[in-house]
Amino acid sequence: RKERYKFLTDYFLKEMPDANTELHY
């Protein structure tokens, strides 16, 4: 599970570093 979290984190930090809500405000 620890490796799974690292895999996801590494991927998203590279591909989606500035992810945020899609709501407008």
PDBML (XML) file of the C-alpha atoms, coordinates in Angstrom:
<?xml version="1.0" encoding="UTF-8" ?>
<PDBx:datablock datablockName="MODEL"
   xmlns:PDBx="http://pdbml.pdb.org/schema/pdbx-v50.xsd"
   xmlns:xsi="http://www.w3.org/2001/XMLSchema-instance"
   xsi:schemaLocation="http://pdbml.pdb.org/schema/pdbx-v50.xsd pdbx-v50.xsd">
   <PDBx:atom_siteCategory>
      <PDBx:atom_site id="1">
         <PDBx:B_iso_or_equiv>0.00</PDBx:B_iso_or_equiv>
         <PDBx:Cartn_x>0.000</PDBx:Cartn_x>
         <PDBx:Cartn_y>0.000</PDBx:Cartn_y>
         <PDBx:Cartn_z>0.000</PDBx:Cartn_z>
         <PDBx:auth_asym_id>A</PDBx:auth_asym_id>
         <PDBx:auth_atom_id>CA</PDBx:auth_atom_id>
         <PDBx:auth_comp_id>ARG</PDBx:auth_comp_id>
         <PDBx:auth_seq_id>1</PDBx:auth_seq_id>
         <PDBx:group_PDB>ATOM</PDBx:group_PDB>
         <PDBx:label_alt_id xsi:nil="true" />
         <PDBx:label_asym_id>A</PDBx:label_asym_id>
         <PDBx:label_atom_id>CA</PDBx:label_atom_id>
         <PDBx:label_comp_id>ARG</PDBx:label_comp_id>
         <PDBx:label_entity_id>1</PDBx:label_entity_id>
         <PDBx:label_seq_id>1</PDBx:label_seq_id>
         <PDBx:occupancy>1.00</PDBx:occupancy>
         <PDBx:pdbx_PDB_model_num>1</PDBx:pdbx_PDB_model_num>
         <PDBx:type_symbol>C</PDBx:type_symbol>
      </PDBx:atom_site>
      <PDBx:atom_site id="2">
         <PDBx:B_iso_or_equiv>0.00</PDBx:B_iso_or_equiv>
         <PDBx:Cartn_x>2.875</PDBx:Cartn_x>
         <PDBx:Cartn_y>2.367</PDBx:Cartn_y>
         <PDBx:Cartn_z>0.775</PDBx:Cartn_z>
         <PDBx:auth_asym_id>A</PDBx:auth_asym_id>
         <PDBx:auth_atom_id>CA</PDBx:auth_atom_id>
         <PDBx:auth_comp_id>LYS</PDBx:auth_comp_id>
         <PDBx:auth_seq_id>2</PDBx:auth_seq_id>
         <PDBx:group_PDB>ATOM</PDBx:group_PDB>
         <PDBx:label_alt_id xsi:nil="true" />
         <PDBx:label_asym_id>A</PDBx:label_asym_id>
         <PDBx:label_atom_id>CA</PDBx:label_atom_id>
         <PDBx:label_comp_id>LYS</PDBx:label_comp_id>
         <PDBx:label_entity_id>1</PDBx:label_entity_id>
         <PDBx:label_seq_id>2</PDBx:label_seq_id>
         <PDBx:occupancy>1.00</PDBx:occupancy>
         <PDBx:pdbx_PDB_model_num>1</PDBx:pdbx_PDB_model_num>
         <PDBx:type_symbol>C</PDBx:type_symbol>
      </PDBx:atom_site>
      <PDBx:atom_site id="3">
         <PDBx:B_iso_or_equiv>0.00</PDBx:B_iso_or_equiv>
         <PDBx:Cartn_x>4.356</PDBx:Cartn_x>
         <PDBx:Cartn_y>1.755</PDBx:Cartn_y>
         <PDBx:Cartn_z>-2.686</PDBx:Cartn_z>
         <PDBx:auth_asym_id>A</PDBx:auth_asym_id>
         <PDBx:auth_atom_id>CA</PDBx:auth_atom_id>
         <PDBx:auth_comp_id>GLU</PDBx:auth_comp_id>
         <PDBx:auth_seq_id>3</PDBx:auth_seq_id>
         <PDBx:group_PDB>ATOM</PDBx:group_PDB>
         <PDBx:label_alt_id xsi:nil="true" />
         <PDBx:label_asym_id>A</PDBx:label_asym_id>
         <PDBx:label_atom_id>CA</PDBx:label_atom_id>
         <PDBx:label_comp_id>GLU</PDBx:label_comp_id>
         <PDBx:label_entity_id>1</PDBx:label_entity_id>
         <PDBx:label_seq_id>3</PDBx:label_seq_id>
         <PDBx:occupancy>1.00</PDBx:occupancy>
         <PDBx:pdbx_PDB_model_num>1</PDBx:pdbx_PDB_model_num>
         <PDBx:type_symbol>C</PDBx:type_symbol>
      </PDBx:atom_site>
      <PDBx:atom_site id="4">
         <PDBx:B_iso_or_equiv>0.00</PDBx:B_iso_or_equiv>
         <PDBx:Cartn_x>0.928</PDBx:Cartn_x>
         <PDBx:Cartn_y>2.301</PDBx:Cartn_y>
         <PDBx:Cartn_z>-4.234</PDBx:Cartn_z>
         <PDBx:auth_asym_id>A</PDBx:auth_asym_id>
         <PDBx:auth_atom_id>CA</PDBx:auth_atom_id>
         <PDBx:auth_comp_id>ARG</PDBx:auth_comp_id>
         <PDBx:auth_seq_id>4</PDBx:auth_seq_id>
         <PDBx:group_PDB>ATOM</PDBx:group_PDB>
         <PDBx:label_alt_id xsi:nil="true" />
         <PDBx:label_asym_id>A</PDBx:label_asym_id>
         <PDBx:label_atom_id>CA</PDBx:label_atom_id>
         <PDBx:label_comp_id>ARG</PDBx:label_comp_id>
         <PDBx:label_entity_id>1</PDBx:label_entity_id>
         <PDBx:label_seq_id>4</PDBx:label_seq_id>
         <PDBx:occupancy>1.00</PDBx:occupancy>
         <PDBx:pdbx_PDB_model_num>1</PDBx:pdbx_PDB_model_num>
         <PDBx:type_symbol>C</PDBx:type_symbol>
      </PDBx:atom_site>
      <PDBx:atom_site id="5">
         <PDBx:B_iso_or_equiv>0.00</PDBx:B_iso_or_equiv>
         <PDBx:Cartn_x>0.626</PDBx:Cartn_x>
         <PDBx:Cartn_y>5.724</PDBx:Cartn_y>
         <PDBx:Cartn_z>-2.613</PDBx:Cartn_z>
         <PDBx:auth_asym_id>A</PDBx:auth_asym_id>
         <PDBx:auth_atom_id>CA</PDBx:auth_atom_id>
         <PDBx:auth_comp_id>TYR</PDBx:auth_comp_id>
         <PDBx:auth_seq_id>5</PDBx:auth_seq_id>
         <PDBx:group_PDB>ATOM</PDBx:group_PDB>
         <PDBx:label_alt_id xsi:nil="true" />
         <PDBx:label_asym_id>A</PDBx:label_asym_id>
         <PDBx:label_atom_id>CA</PDBx:label_atom_id>
         <PDBx:label_comp_id>TYR</PDBx:label_comp_id>
         <PDBx:label_entity_id>1</PDBx:label_entity_id>
         <PDBx:label_seq_id>5</PDBx:label_seq_id>
         <PDBx:occupancy>1.00</PDBx:occupancy>
         <PDBx:pdbx_PDB_model_num>1</PDBx:pdbx_PDB_model_num>
         <PDBx:type_symbol>C</PDBx:type_symbol>
      </PDBx:atom_site>
      <PDBx:atom_site id="6">
         <PDBx:B_iso_or_equiv>0.00</PDBx:B_iso_or_equiv>
         <PDBx:Cartn_x>4.099</PDBx:Cartn_x>
         <PDBx:Cartn_y>6.682</PDBx:Cartn_y>
         <PDBx:Cartn_z>-3.820</PDBx:Cartn_z>
         <PDBx:auth_asym_id>A</PDBx:auth_asym_id>
         <PDBx:auth_atom_id>CA</PDBx:auth_atom_id>
         <PDBx:auth_comp_id>LYS</PDBx:auth_comp_id>
         <PDBx:auth_seq_id>6</PDBx:auth_seq_id>
         <PDBx:group_PDB>ATOM</PDBx:group_PDB>
         <PDBx:label_alt_id xsi:nil="true" />
         <PDBx:label_asym_id>A</PDBx:label_asym_id>
         <PDBx:label_atom_id>CA</PDBx:label_atom_id>
         <PDBx:label_comp_id>LYS</PDBx:label_comp_id>
         <PDBx:label_entity_id>1</PDBx:label_entity_id>
         <PDBx:label_seq_id>6</PDBx:label_seq_id>
         <PDBx:occupancy>1.00</PDBx:occupancy>
         <PDBx:pdbx_PDB_model_num>1</PDBx:pdbx_PDB_model_num>
         <PDBx:type_symbol>C</PDBx:type_symbol>
      </PDBx:atom_site>
      <PDBx:atom_site id="7">
         <PDBx:B_iso_or_equiv>0.00</PDBx:B_iso_or_equiv>
         <PDBx:Cartn_x>3.305</PDBx:Cartn_x>
         <PDBx:Cartn_y>5.541</PDBx:Cartn_y>
         <PDBx:Cartn_z>-7.363</PDBx:Cartn_z>
         <PDBx:auth_asym_id>A</PDBx:auth_asym_id>
         <PDBx:auth_atom_id>CA</PDBx:auth_atom_id>
         <PDBx:auth_comp_id>PHE</PDBx:auth_comp_id>
         <PDBx:auth_seq_id>7</PDBx:auth_seq_id>
         <PDBx:group_PDB>ATOM</PDBx:group_PDB>
         <PDBx:label_alt_id xsi:nil="true" />
         <PDBx:label_asym_id>A</PDBx:label_asym_id>
         <PDBx:label_atom_id>CA</PDBx:label_atom_id>
         <PDBx:label_comp_id>PHE</PDBx:label_comp_id>
         <PDBx:label_entity_id>1</PDBx:label_entity_id>
         <PDBx:label_seq_id>7</PDBx:label_seq_id>
         <PDBx:occupancy>1.00</PDBx:occupancy>
         <PDBx:pdbx_PDB_model_num>1</PDBx:pdbx_PDB_model_num>
         <PDBx:type_symbol>C</PDBx:type_symbol>
      </PDBx:atom_site>
      <PDBx:atom_site id="8">
         <PDBx:B_iso_or_equiv>0.00</PDBx:B_iso_or_equiv>
         <PDBx:Cartn_x>0.155</PDBx:Cartn_x>
         <PDBx:Cartn_y>7.682</PDBx:Cartn_y>
         <PDBx:Cartn_z>-7.467</PDBx:Cartn_z>
         <PDBx:auth_asym_id>A</PDBx:auth_asym_id>
         <PDBx:auth_atom_id>CA</PDBx:auth_atom_id>
         <PDBx:auth_comp_id>LEU</PDBx:auth_comp_id>
         <PDBx:auth_seq_id>8</PDBx:auth_seq_id>
         <PDBx:group_PDB>ATOM</PDBx:group_PDB>
         <PDBx:label_alt_id xsi:nil="true" />
         <PDBx:label_asym_id>A</PDBx:label_asym_id>
         <PDBx:label_atom_id>CA</PDBx:label_atom_id>
         <PDBx:label_comp_id>LEU</PDBx:label_comp_id>
         <PDBx:label_entity_id>1</PDBx:label_entity_id>
         <PDBx:label_seq_id>8</PDBx:label_seq_id>
         <PDBx:occupancy>1.00</PDBx:occupancy>
         <PDBx:pdbx_PDB_model_num>1</PDBx:pdbx_PDB_model_num>
         <PDBx:type_symbol>C</PDBx:type_symbol>
      </PDBx:atom_site>
      <PDBx:atom_site id="9">
         <PDBx:B_iso_or_equiv>0.00</PDBx:B_iso_or_equiv>
         <PDBx:Cartn_x>1.818</PDBx:Cartn_x>
         <PDBx:Cartn_y>10.667</PDBx:Cartn_y>
         <PDBx:Cartn_z>-5.838</PDBx:Cartn_z>
         <PDBx:auth_asym_id>A</PDBx:auth_asym_id>
         <PDBx:auth_atom_id>CA</PDBx:auth_atom_id>
         <PDBx:auth_comp_id>THR</PDBx:auth_comp_id>
         <PDBx:auth_seq_id>9</PDBx:auth_seq_id>
         <PDBx:group_PDB>ATOM</PDBx:group_PDB>
         <PDBx:label_alt_id xsi:nil="true" />
         <PDBx:label_asym_id>A</PDBx:label_asym_id>
         <PDBx:label_atom_id>CA</PDBx:label_atom_id>
         <PDBx:label_comp_id>THR</PDBx:label_comp_id>
         <PDBx:label_entity_id>1</PDBx:label_entity_id>
         <PDBx:label_seq_id>9</PDBx:label_seq_id>
         <PDBx:occupancy>1.00</PDBx:occupancy>
         <PDBx:pdbx_PDB_model_num>1</PDBx:pdbx_PDB_model_num>
         <PDBx:type_symbol>C</PDBx:type_symbol>
      </PDBx:atom_site>
      <PDBx:atom_site id="10">
         <PDBx:B_iso_or_equiv>0.00</PDBx:B_iso_or_equiv>
         <PDBx:Cartn_x>4.780</PDBx:Cartn_x>
         <PDBx:Cartn_y>10.609</PDBx:Cartn_y>
         <PDBx:Cartn_z>-8.229</PDBx:Cartn_z>
         <PDBx:auth_asym_id>A</PDBx:auth_asym_id>
         <PDBx:auth_atom_id>CA</PDBx:auth_atom_id>
         <PDBx:auth_comp_id>ASP</PDBx:auth_comp_id>
         <PDBx:auth_seq_id>10</PDBx:auth_seq_id>
         <PDBx:group_PDB>ATOM</PDBx:group_PDB>
         <PDBx:label_alt_id xsi:nil="true" />
         <PDBx:label_asym_id>A</PDBx:label_asym_id>
         <PDBx:label_atom_id>CA</PDBx:label_atom_id>
         <PDBx:label_comp_id>ASP</PDBx:label_comp_id>
         <PDBx:label_entity_id>1</PDBx:label_entity_id>
         <PDBx:label_seq_id>10</PDBx:label_seq_id>
         <PDBx:occupancy>1.00</PDBx:occupancy>
         <PDBx:pdbx_PDB_model_num>1</PDBx:pdbx_PDB_model_num>
         <PDBx:type_symbol>C</PDBx:type_symbol>
      </PDBx:atom_site>
      <PDBx:atom_site id="11">
         <PDBx:B_iso_or_equiv>0.00</PDBx:B_iso_or_equiv>
         <PDBx:Cartn_x>2.481</PDBx:Cartn_x>
         <PDBx:Cartn_y>10.362</PDBx:Cartn_y>
         <PDBx:Cartn_z>-11.235</PDBx:Cartn_z>
         <PDBx:auth_asym_id>A</PDBx:auth_asym_id>
         <PDBx:auth_atom_id>CA</PDBx:auth_atom_id>
         <PDBx:auth_comp_id>TYR</PDBx:auth_comp_id>
         <PDBx:auth_seq_id>11</PDBx:auth_seq_id>
         <PDBx:group_PDB>ATOM</PDBx:group_PDB>
         <PDBx:label_alt_id xsi:nil="true" />
         <PDBx:label_asym_id>A</PDBx:label_asym_id>
         <PDBx:label_atom_id>CA</PDBx:label_atom_id>
         <PDBx:label_comp_id>TYR</PDBx:label_comp_id>
         <PDBx:label_entity_id>1</PDBx:label_entity_id>
         <PDBx:label_seq_id>11</PDBx:label_seq_id>
         <PDBx:occupancy>1.00</PDBx:occupancy>
         <PDBx:pdbx_PDB_model_num>1</PDBx:pdbx_PDB_model_num>
         <PDBx:type_symbol>C</PDBx:type_symbol>
      </PDBx:atom_site>
      <PDBx:atom_site id="12">
         <PDBx:B_iso_or_equiv>0.00</PDBx:B_iso_or_equiv>
         <PDBx:Cartn_x>0.119</PDBx:Cartn_x>
         <PDBx:Cartn_y>13.156</PDBx:Cartn_y>
         <PDBx:Cartn_z>-10.214</PDBx:Cartn_z>
         <PDBx:auth_asym_id>A</PDBx:auth_asym_id>
         <PDBx:auth_atom_id>CA</PDBx:auth_atom_id>
         <PDBx:auth_comp_id>PHE</PDBx:auth_comp_id>
         <PDBx:auth_seq_id>12</PDBx:auth_seq_id>
         <PDBx:group_PDB>ATOM</PDBx:group_PDB>
         <PDBx:label_alt_id xsi:nil="true" />
         <PDBx:label_asym_id>A</PDBx:label_asym_id>
         <PDBx:label_atom_id>CA</PDBx:label_atom_id>
         <PDBx:label_comp_id>PHE</PDBx:label_comp_id>
         <PDBx:label_entity_id>1</PDBx:label_entity_id>
         <PDBx:label_seq_id>12</PDBx:label_seq_id>
         <PDBx:occupancy>1.00</PDBx:occupancy>
         <PDBx:pdbx_PDB_model_num>1</PDBx:pdbx_PDB_model_num>
         <PDBx:type_symbol>C</PDBx:type_symbol>
      </PDBx:atom_site>
      <PDBx:atom_site id="13">
         <PDBx:B_iso_or_equiv>0.00</PDBx:B_iso_or_equiv>
         <PDBx:Cartn_x>2.903</PDBx:Cartn_x>
         <PDBx:Cartn_y>15.498</PDBx:Cartn_y>
         <PDBx:Cartn_z>-9.113</PDBx:Cartn_z>
         <PDBx:auth_asym_id>A</PDBx:auth_asym_id>
         <PDBx:auth_atom_id>CA</PDBx:auth_atom_id>
         <PDBx:auth_comp_id>LEU</PDBx:auth_comp_id>
         <PDBx:auth_seq_id>13</PDBx:auth_seq_id>
         <PDBx:group_PDB>ATOM</PDBx:group_PDB>
         <PDBx:label_alt_id xsi:nil="true" />
         <PDBx:label_asym_id>A</PDBx:label_asym_id>
         <PDBx:label_atom_id>CA</PDBx:label_atom_id>
         <PDBx:label_comp_id>LEU</PDBx:label_comp_id>
         <PDBx:label_entity_id>1</PDBx:label_entity_id>
         <PDBx:label_seq_id>13</PDBx:label_seq_id>
         <PDBx:occupancy>1.00</PDBx:occupancy>
         <PDBx:pdbx_PDB_model_num>1</PDBx:pdbx_PDB_model_num>
         <PDBx:type_symbol>C</PDBx:type_symbol>
      </PDBx:atom_site>
      <PDBx:atom_site id="14">
         <PDBx:B_iso_or_equiv>0.00</PDBx:B_iso_or_equiv>
         <PDBx:Cartn_x>4.262</PDBx:Cartn_x>
         <PDBx:Cartn_y>15.240</PDBx:Cartn_y>
         <PDBx:Cartn_z>-12.631</PDBx:Cartn_z>
         <PDBx:auth_asym_id>A</PDBx:auth_asym_id>
         <PDBx:auth_atom_id>CA</PDBx:auth_atom_id>
         <PDBx:auth_comp_id>LYS</PDBx:auth_comp_id>
         <PDBx:auth_seq_id>14</PDBx:auth_seq_id>
         <PDBx:group_PDB>ATOM</PDBx:group_PDB>
         <PDBx:label_alt_id xsi:nil="true" />
         <PDBx:label_asym_id>A</PDBx:label_asym_id>
         <PDBx:label_atom_id>CA</PDBx:label_atom_id>
         <PDBx:label_comp_id>LYS</PDBx:label_comp_id>
         <PDBx:label_entity_id>1</PDBx:label_entity_id>
         <PDBx:label_seq_id>14</PDBx:label_seq_id>
         <PDBx:occupancy>1.00</PDBx:occupancy>
         <PDBx:pdbx_PDB_model_num>1</PDBx:pdbx_PDB_model_num>
         <PDBx:type_symbol>C</PDBx:type_symbol>
      </PDBx:atom_site>
      <PDBx:atom_site id="15">
         <PDBx:B_iso_or_equiv>0.00</PDBx:B_iso_or_equiv>
         <PDBx:Cartn_x>1.032</PDBx:Cartn_x>
         <PDBx:Cartn_y>15.205</PDBx:Cartn_y>
         <PDBx:Cartn_z>-14.615</PDBx:Cartn_z>
         <PDBx:auth_asym_id>A</PDBx:auth_asym_id>
         <PDBx:auth_atom_id>CA</PDBx:auth_atom_id>
         <PDBx:auth_comp_id>GLU</PDBx:auth_comp_id>
         <PDBx:auth_seq_id>15</PDBx:auth_seq_id>
         <PDBx:group_PDB>ATOM</PDBx:group_PDB>
         <PDBx:label_alt_id xsi:nil="true" />
         <PDBx:label_asym_id>A</PDBx:label_asym_id>
         <PDBx:label_atom_id>CA</PDBx:label_atom_id>
         <PDBx:label_comp_id>GLU</PDBx:label_comp_id>
         <PDBx:label_entity_id>1</PDBx:label_entity_id>
         <PDBx:label_seq_id>15</PDBx:label_seq_id>
         <PDBx:occupancy>1.00</PDBx:occupancy>
         <PDBx:pdbx_PDB_model_num>1</PDBx:pdbx_PDB_model_num>
         <PDBx:type_symbol>C</PDBx:type_symbol>
      </PDBx:atom_site>
      <PDBx:atom_site id="16">
         <PDBx:B_iso_or_equiv>0.00</PDBx:B_iso_or_equiv>
         <PDBx:Cartn_x>-1.333</PDBx:Cartn_x>
         <PDBx:Cartn_y>17.269</PDBx:Cartn_y>
         <PDBx:Cartn_z>-12.445</PDBx:Cartn_z>
         <PDBx:auth_asym_id>A</PDBx:auth_asym_id>
         <PDBx:auth_atom_id>CA</PDBx:auth_atom_id>
         <PDBx:auth_comp_id>MET</PDBx:auth_comp_id>
         <PDBx:auth_seq_id>16</PDBx:auth_seq_id>
         <PDBx:group_PDB>ATOM</PDBx:group_PDB>
         <PDBx:label_alt_id xsi:nil="true" />
         <PDBx:label_asym_id>A</PDBx:label_asym_id>
         <PDBx:label_atom_id>CA</PDBx:label_atom_id>
         <PDBx:label_comp_id>MET</PDBx:label_comp_id>
         <PDBx:label_entity_id>1</PDBx:label_entity_id>
         <PDBx:label_seq_id>16</PDBx:label_seq_id>
         <PDBx:occupancy>1.00</PDBx:occupancy>
         <PDBx:pdbx_PDB_model_num>1</PDBx:pdbx_PDB_model_num>
         <PDBx:type_symbol>C</PDBx:type_symbol>
      </PDBx:atom_site>
      <PDBx:atom_site id="17">
         <PDBx:B_iso_or_equiv>0.00</PDBx:B_iso_or_equiv>
         <PDBx:Cartn_x>0.781</PDBx:Cartn_x>
         <PDBx:Cartn_y>19.397</PDBx:Cartn_y>
         <PDBx:Cartn_z>-10.076</PDBx:Cartn_z>
         <PDBx:auth_asym_id>A</PDBx:auth_asym_id>
         <PDBx:auth_atom_id>CA</PDBx:auth_atom_id>
         <PDBx:auth_comp_id>PRO</PDBx:auth_comp_id>
         <PDBx:auth_seq_id>17</PDBx:auth_seq_id>
         <PDBx:group_PDB>ATOM</PDBx:group_PDB>
         <PDBx:label_alt_id xsi:nil="true" />
         <PDBx:label_asym_id>A</PDBx:label_asym_id>
         <PDBx:label_atom_id>CA</PDBx:label_atom_id>
         <PDBx:label_comp_id>PRO</PDBx:label_comp_id>
         <PDBx:label_entity_id>1</PDBx:label_entity_id>
         <PDBx:label_seq_id>17</PDBx:label_seq_id>
         <PDBx:occupancy>1.00</PDBx:occupancy>
         <PDBx:pdbx_PDB_model_num>1</PDBx:pdbx_PDB_model_num>
         <PDBx:type_symbol>C</PDBx:type_symbol>
      </PDBx:atom_site>
      <PDBx:atom_site id="18">
         <PDBx:B_iso_or_equiv>0.00</PDBx:B_iso_or_equiv>
         <PDBx:Cartn_x>-1.734</PDBx:Cartn_x>
         <PDBx:Cartn_y>22.230</PDBx:Cartn_y>
         <PDBx:Cartn_z>-9.756</PDBx:Cartn_z>
         <PDBx:auth_asym_id>A</PDBx:auth_asym_id>
         <PDBx:auth_atom_id>CA</PDBx:auth_atom_id>
         <PDBx:auth_comp_id>ASP</PDBx:auth_comp_id>
         <PDBx:auth_seq_id>18</PDBx:auth_seq_id>
         <PDBx:group_PDB>ATOM</PDBx:group_PDB>
         <PDBx:label_alt_id xsi:nil="true" />
         <PDBx:label_asym_id>A</PDBx:label_asym_id>
         <PDBx:label_atom_id>CA</PDBx:label_atom_id>
         <PDBx:label_comp_id>ASP</PDBx:label_comp_id>
         <PDBx:label_entity_id>1</PDBx:label_entity_id>
         <PDBx:label_seq_id>18</PDBx:label_seq_id>
         <PDBx:occupancy>1.00</PDBx:occupancy>
         <PDBx:pdbx_PDB_model_num>1</PDBx:pdbx_PDB_model_num>
         <PDBx:type_symbol>C</PDBx:type_symbol>
      </PDBx:atom_site>
      <PDBx:atom_site id="19">
         <PDBx:B_iso_or_equiv>0.00</PDBx:B_iso_or_equiv>
         <PDBx:Cartn_x>-4.970</PDBx:Cartn_x>
         <PDBx:Cartn_y>20.285</PDBx:Cartn_y>
         <PDBx:Cartn_z>-9.406</PDBx:Cartn_z>
         <PDBx:auth_asym_id>A</PDBx:auth_asym_id>
         <PDBx:auth_atom_id>CA</PDBx:auth_atom_id>
         <PDBx:auth_comp_id>ALA</PDBx:auth_comp_id>
         <PDBx:auth_seq_id>19</PDBx:auth_seq_id>
         <PDBx:group_PDB>ATOM</PDBx:group_PDB>
         <PDBx:label_alt_id xsi:nil="true" />
         <PDBx:label_asym_id>A</PDBx:label_asym_id>
         <PDBx:label_atom_id>CA</PDBx:label_atom_id>
         <PDBx:label_comp_id>ALA</PDBx:label_comp_id>
         <PDBx:label_entity_id>1</PDBx:label_entity_id>
         <PDBx:label_seq_id>19</PDBx:label_seq_id>
         <PDBx:occupancy>1.00</PDBx:occupancy>
         <PDBx:pdbx_PDB_model_num>1</PDBx:pdbx_PDB_model_num>
         <PDBx:type_symbol>C</PDBx:type_symbol>
      </PDBx:atom_site>
      <PDBx:atom_site id="20">
         <PDBx:B_iso_or_equiv>0.00</PDBx:B_iso_or_equiv>
         <PDBx:Cartn_x>-7.799</PDBx:Cartn_x>
         <PDBx:Cartn_y>22.289</PDBx:Cartn_y>
         <PDBx:Cartn_z>-7.909</PDBx:Cartn_z>
         <PDBx:auth_asym_id>A</PDBx:auth_asym_id>
         <PDBx:auth_atom_id>CA</PDBx:auth_atom_id>
         <PDBx:auth_comp_id>ASN</PDBx:auth_comp_id>
         <PDBx:auth_seq_id>20</PDBx:auth_seq_id>
         <PDBx:group_PDB>ATOM</PDBx:group_PDB>
         <PDBx:label_alt_id xsi:nil="true" />
         <PDBx:label_asym_id>A</PDBx:label_asym_id>
         <PDBx:label_atom_id>CA</PDBx:label_atom_id>
         <PDBx:label_comp_id>ASN</PDBx:label_comp_id>
         <PDBx:label_entity_id>1</PDBx:label_entity_id>
         <PDBx:label_seq_id>20</PDBx:label_seq_id>
         <PDBx:occupancy>1.00</PDBx:occupancy>
         <PDBx:pdbx_PDB_model_num>1</PDBx:pdbx_PDB_model_num>
         <PDBx:type_symbol>C</PDBx:type_symbol>
      </PDBx:atom_site>
      <PDBx:atom_site id="21">
         <PDBx:B_iso_or_equiv>0.00</PDBx:B_iso_or_equiv>
         <PDBx:Cartn_x>-11.564</PDBx:Cartn_x>
         <PDBx:Cartn_y>22.404</PDBx:Cartn_y>
         <PDBx:Cartn_z>-7.654</PDBx:Cartn_z>
         <PDBx:auth_asym_id>A</PDBx:auth_asym_id>
         <PDBx:auth_atom_id>CA</PDBx:auth_atom_id>
         <PDBx:auth_comp_id>THR</PDBx:auth_comp_id>
         <PDBx:auth_seq_id>21</PDBx:auth_seq_id>
         <PDBx:group_PDB>ATOM</PDBx:group_PDB>
         <PDBx:label_alt_id xsi:nil="true" />
         <PDBx:label_asym_id>A</PDBx:label_asym_id>
         <PDBx:label_atom_id>CA</PDBx:label_atom_id>
         <PDBx:label_comp_id>THR</PDBx:label_comp_id>
         <PDBx:label_entity_id>1</PDBx:label_entity_id>
         <PDBx:label_seq_id>21</PDBx:label_seq_id>
         <PDBx:occupancy>1.00</PDBx:occupancy>
         <PDBx:pdbx_PDB_model_num>1</PDBx:pdbx_PDB_model_num>
         <PDBx:type_symbol>C</PDBx:type_symbol>
      </PDBx:atom_site>
      <PDBx:atom_site id="22">
         <PDBx:B_iso_or_equiv>0.00</PDBx:B_iso_or_equiv>
         <PDBx:Cartn_x>-13.592</PDBx:Cartn_x>
         <PDBx:Cartn_y>22.811</PDBx:Cartn_y>
         <PDBx:Cartn_z>-10.831</PDBx:Cartn_z>
         <PDBx:auth_asym_id>A</PDBx:auth_asym_id>
         <PDBx:auth_atom_id>CA</PDBx:auth_atom_id>
         <PDBx:auth_comp_id>GLU</PDBx:auth_comp_id>
         <PDBx:auth_seq_id>22</PDBx:auth_seq_id>
         <PDBx:group_PDB>ATOM</PDBx:group_PDB>
         <PDBx:label_alt_id xsi:nil="true" />
         <PDBx:label_asym_id>A</PDBx:label_asym_id>
         <PDBx:label_atom_id>CA</PDBx:label_atom_id>
         <PDBx:label_comp_id>GLU</PDBx:label_comp_id>
         <PDBx:label_entity_id>1</PDBx:label_entity_id>
         <PDBx:label_seq_id>22</PDBx:label_seq_id>
         <PDBx:occupancy>1.00</PDBx:occupancy>
         <PDBx:pdbx_PDB_model_num>1</PDBx:pdbx_PDB_model_num>
         <PDBx:type_symbol>C</PDBx:type_symbol>
      </PDBx:atom_site>
      <PDBx:atom_site id="23">
         <PDBx:B_iso_or_equiv>0.00</PDBx:B_iso_or_equiv>
         <PDBx:Cartn_x>-16.088</PDBx:Cartn_x>
         <PDBx:Cartn_y>25.036</PDBx:Cartn_y>
         <PDBx:Cartn_z>-9.038</PDBx:Cartn_z>
         <PDBx:auth_asym_id>A</PDBx:auth_asym_id>
         <PDBx:auth_atom_id>CA</PDBx:auth_atom_id>
         <PDBx:auth_comp_id>LEU</PDBx:auth_comp_id>
         <PDBx:auth_seq_id>23</PDBx:auth_seq_id>
         <PDBx:group_PDB>ATOM</PDBx:group_PDB>
         <PDBx:label_alt_id xsi:nil="true" />
         <PDBx:label_asym_id>A</PDBx:label_asym_id>
         <PDBx:label_atom_id>CA</PDBx:label_atom_id>
         <PDBx:label_comp_id>LEU</PDBx:label_comp_id>
         <PDBx:label_entity_id>1</PDBx:label_entity_id>
         <PDBx:label_seq_id>23</PDBx:label_seq_id>
         <PDBx:occupancy>1.00</PDBx:occupancy>
         <PDBx:pdbx_PDB_model_num>1</PDBx:pdbx_PDB_model_num>
         <PDBx:type_symbol>C</PDBx:type_symbol>
      </PDBx:atom_site>
      <PDBx:atom_site id="24">
         <PDBx:B_iso_or_equiv>0.00</PDBx:B_iso_or_equiv>
         <PDBx:Cartn_x>-16.004</PDBx:Cartn_x>
         <PDBx:Cartn_y>28.736</PDBx:Cartn_y>
         <PDBx:Cartn_z>-9.945</PDBx:Cartn_z>
         <PDBx:auth_asym_id>A</PDBx:auth_asym_id>
         <PDBx:auth_atom_id>CA</PDBx:auth_atom_id>
         <PDBx:auth_comp_id>HIS</PDBx:auth_comp_id>
         <PDBx:auth_seq_id>24</PDBx:auth_seq_id>
         <PDBx:group_PDB>ATOM</PDBx:group_PDB>
         <PDBx:label_alt_id xsi:nil="true" />
         <PDBx:label_asym_id>A</PDBx:label_asym_id>
         <PDBx:label_atom_id>CA</PDBx:label_atom_id>
         <PDBx:label_comp_id>HIS</PDBx:label_comp_id>
         <PDBx:label_entity_id>1</PDBx:label_entity_id>
         <PDBx:label_seq_id>24</PDBx:label_seq_id>
         <PDBx:occupancy>1.00</PDBx:occupancy>
         <PDBx:pdbx_PDB_model_num>1</PDBx:pdbx_PDB_model_num>
         <PDBx:type_symbol>C</PDBx:type_symbol>
      </PDBx:atom_site>
      <PDBx:atom_site id="25">
         <PDBx:B_iso_or_equiv>0.00</PDBx:B_iso_or_equiv>
         <PDBx:Cartn_x>-15.757</PDBx:Cartn_x>
         <PDBx:Cartn_y>31.303</PDBx:Cartn_y>
         <PDBx:Cartn_z>-7.145</PDBx:Cartn_z>
         <PDBx:auth_asym_id>A</PDBx:auth_asym_id>
         <PDBx:auth_atom_id>CA</PDBx:auth_atom_id>
         <PDBx:auth_comp_id>TYR</PDBx:auth_comp_id>
         <PDBx:auth_seq_id>25</PDBx:auth_seq_id>
         <PDBx:group_PDB>ATOM</PDBx:group_PDB>
         <PDBx:label_alt_id xsi:nil="true" />
         <PDBx:label_asym_id>A</PDBx:label_asym_id>
         <PDBx:label_atom_id>CA</PDBx:label_atom_id>
         <PDBx:label_comp_id>TYR</PDBx:label_comp_id>
         <PDBx:label_entity_id>1</PDBx:label_entity_id>
         <PDBx:label_seq_id>25</PDBx:label_seq_id>
         <PDBx:occupancy>1.00</PDBx:occupancy>
         <PDBx:pdbx_PDB_model_num>1</PDBx:pdbx_PDB_model_num>
         <PDBx:type_symbol>C</PDBx:type_symbol>
      </PDBx:atom_site>
   </PDBx:atom_siteCategory>
</PDBx:datablock>
